[in-house]
Amino acid sequence: MIIEKDLLTIKEASAWASGYLKKNVTTLNISYLIQYGRIKKWQ
């Protein structure tokens, strides 16, 4: 079960991914991944 605190905004996800990958991950990159089903969107 997903708890609300586990969810990130696109901006937060971008910042986390950038730190994790040590590369620049933009909000557009995250939006693309959501749009094409690579990561799930929580509505």
N, C-alpha and C. Protein backbone atom coordinates (compact mmCIF):
# COMPACT_ATOMS: atom_id res chain seq x y z
N MET A 1 0.85 -1.19 0.00
CA MET A 1 0.00 0.00 0.00
C MET A 1 0.89 1.25 0.00
N ILE A 2 0.54 2.22 -0.82
CA ILE A 2 1.31 3.46 -0.91
C ILE A 2 0.75 4.48 0.06
N ILE A 3 1.61 5.06 0.83
CA ILE A 3 1.22 6.10 1.78
C ILE A 3 1.57 7.44 1.13
N GLU A 4 0.75 8.43 1.37
CA GLU A 4 0.92 9.73 0.72
C GLU A 4 2.33 10.29 0.89
N LYS A 5 2.97 10.06 2.01
CA LYS A 5 4.31 10.59 2.23
C LYS A 5 5.34 9.99 1.27
N ASP A 6 5.03 8.85 0.68
CA ASP A 6 5.95 8.21 -0.25
C ASP A 6 5.88 8.81 -1.65
N LEU A 7 4.90 9.66 -1.90
CA LEU A 7 4.71 10.24 -3.22
C LEU A 7 5.52 11.52 -3.37
N LEU A 8 6.02 11.75 -4.59
CA LEU A 8 6.81 12.94 -4.87
C LEU A 8 6.14 13.76 -5.97
N THR A 9 6.39 15.04 -5.95
CA THR A 9 5.97 15.86 -7.08
C THR A 9 6.98 15.62 -8.20
N ILE A 10 6.65 16.07 -9.39
CA ILE A 10 7.57 15.91 -10.51
C ILE A 10 8.88 16.65 -10.22
N LYS A 11 8.79 17.81 -9.63
CA LYS A 11 9.99 18.58 -9.29
C LYS A 11 10.85 17.84 -8.26
N GLU A 12 10.21 17.27 -7.24
CA GLU A 12 10.93 16.51 -6.22
C GLU A 12 11.55 15.26 -6.83
N ALA A 13 10.82 14.60 -7.72
CA ALA A 13 11.34 13.40 -8.38
C ALA A 13 12.56 13.73 -9.23
N SER A 14 12.52 14.87 -9.89
CA SER A 14 13.63 15.32 -10.70
C SER A 14 14.87 15.56 -9.84
N ALA A 15 14.69 16.22 -8.72
CA ALA A 15 15.82 16.50 -7.81
C ALA A 15 16.39 15.20 -7.24
N TRP A 16 15.51 14.27 -6.86
CA TRP A 16 15.96 12.99 -6.32
C TRP A 16 16.75 12.20 -7.36
N ALA A 17 16.19 12.10 -8.57
CA ALA A 17 16.83 11.35 -9.64
C ALA A 17 18.18 11.95 -10.01
N SER A 18 18.27 13.27 -10.03
CA SER A 18 19.54 13.93 -10.33
C SER A 18 20.60 13.57 -9.31
N GLY A 19 20.24 13.58 -8.05
CA GLY A 19 21.19 13.20 -7.00
C GLY A 19 21.55 11.73 -7.05
N TYR A 20 20.58 10.89 -7.32
CA TYR A 20 20.80 9.44 -7.34
C TYR A 20 21.68 9.03 -8.52
N LEU A 21 21.42 9.62 -9.69
CA LEU A 21 22.16 9.25 -10.90
C LEU A 21 23.41 10.08 -11.11
N LYS A 22 23.55 11.15 -10.33
CA LYS A 22 24.67 12.09 -10.49
C LYS A 22 24.70 12.67 -11.91
N LYS A 23 23.50 12.88 -12.47
CA LYS A 23 23.31 13.49 -13.79
C LYS A 23 22.14 14.45 -13.69
N ASN A 24 22.06 15.36 -14.64
CA ASN A 24 20.94 16.31 -14.64
C ASN A 24 19.69 15.63 -15.18
N VAL A 25 18.68 15.49 -14.33
CA VAL A 25 17.38 14.94 -14.73
C VAL A 25 16.36 16.06 -14.57
N THR A 26 15.78 16.48 -15.68
CA THR A 26 14.85 17.62 -15.63
C THR A 26 13.43 17.15 -15.36
N THR A 27 12.57 18.11 -15.06
CA THR A 27 11.15 17.79 -14.87
C THR A 27 10.54 17.27 -16.17
N LEU A 28 11.06 17.74 -17.31
CA LEU A 28 10.57 17.24 -18.60
C LEU A 28 10.92 15.77 -18.78
N ASN A 29 12.09 15.35 -18.30
CA ASN A 29 12.47 13.94 -18.37
C ASN A 29 11.48 13.10 -17.56
N ILE A 30 11.12 13.56 -16.37
CA ILE A 30 10.19 12.83 -15.51
C ILE A 30 8.81 12.79 -16.16
N SER A 31 8.37 13.91 -16.70
CA SER A 31 7.06 13.98 -17.37
C SER A 31 7.00 13.00 -18.54
N TYR A 32 8.08 12.91 -19.30
CA TYR A 32 8.15 11.99 -20.43
C TYR A 32 8.00 10.55 -19.94
N LEU A 33 8.71 10.20 -18.88
CA LEU A 33 8.65 8.84 -18.35
C LEU A 33 7.25 8.49 -17.86
N ILE A 34 6.56 9.46 -17.27
CA ILE A 34 5.17 9.24 -16.83
C ILE A 34 4.26 9.07 -18.04
N GLN A 35 4.41 9.95 -19.02
CA GLN A 35 3.55 9.93 -20.21
C GLN A 35 3.64 8.60 -20.95
N TYR A 36 4.83 8.04 -21.04
CA TYR A 36 5.01 6.80 -21.79
C TYR A 36 5.02 5.56 -20.90
N GLY A 37 4.55 5.71 -19.67
CA GLY A 37 4.32 4.57 -18.80
C GLY A 37 5.55 3.92 -18.21
N ARG A 38 6.69 4.59 -18.24
CA ARG A 38 7.90 4.04 -17.65
C ARG A 38 7.88 4.12 -16.13
N ILE A 39 7.19 5.13 -15.62
CA ILE A 39 6.93 5.22 -14.18
C ILE A 39 5.45 5.52 -14.01
N LYS A 40 4.88 5.01 -12.92
CA LYS A 40 3.43 5.14 -12.72
C LYS A 40 3.07 6.52 -12.18
N LYS A 41 1.93 7.00 -12.63
CA LYS A 41 1.38 8.25 -12.15
C LYS A 41 0.30 7.94 -11.14
N TRP A 42 0.33 8.59 -10.03
CA TRP A 42 -0.67 8.42 -9.00
C TRP A 42 -1.64 9.59 -9.11
N GLN A 43 -2.92 9.29 -9.30
CA GLN A 43 -3.90 10.36 -9.48
C GLN A 43 -4.68 10.62 -8.23
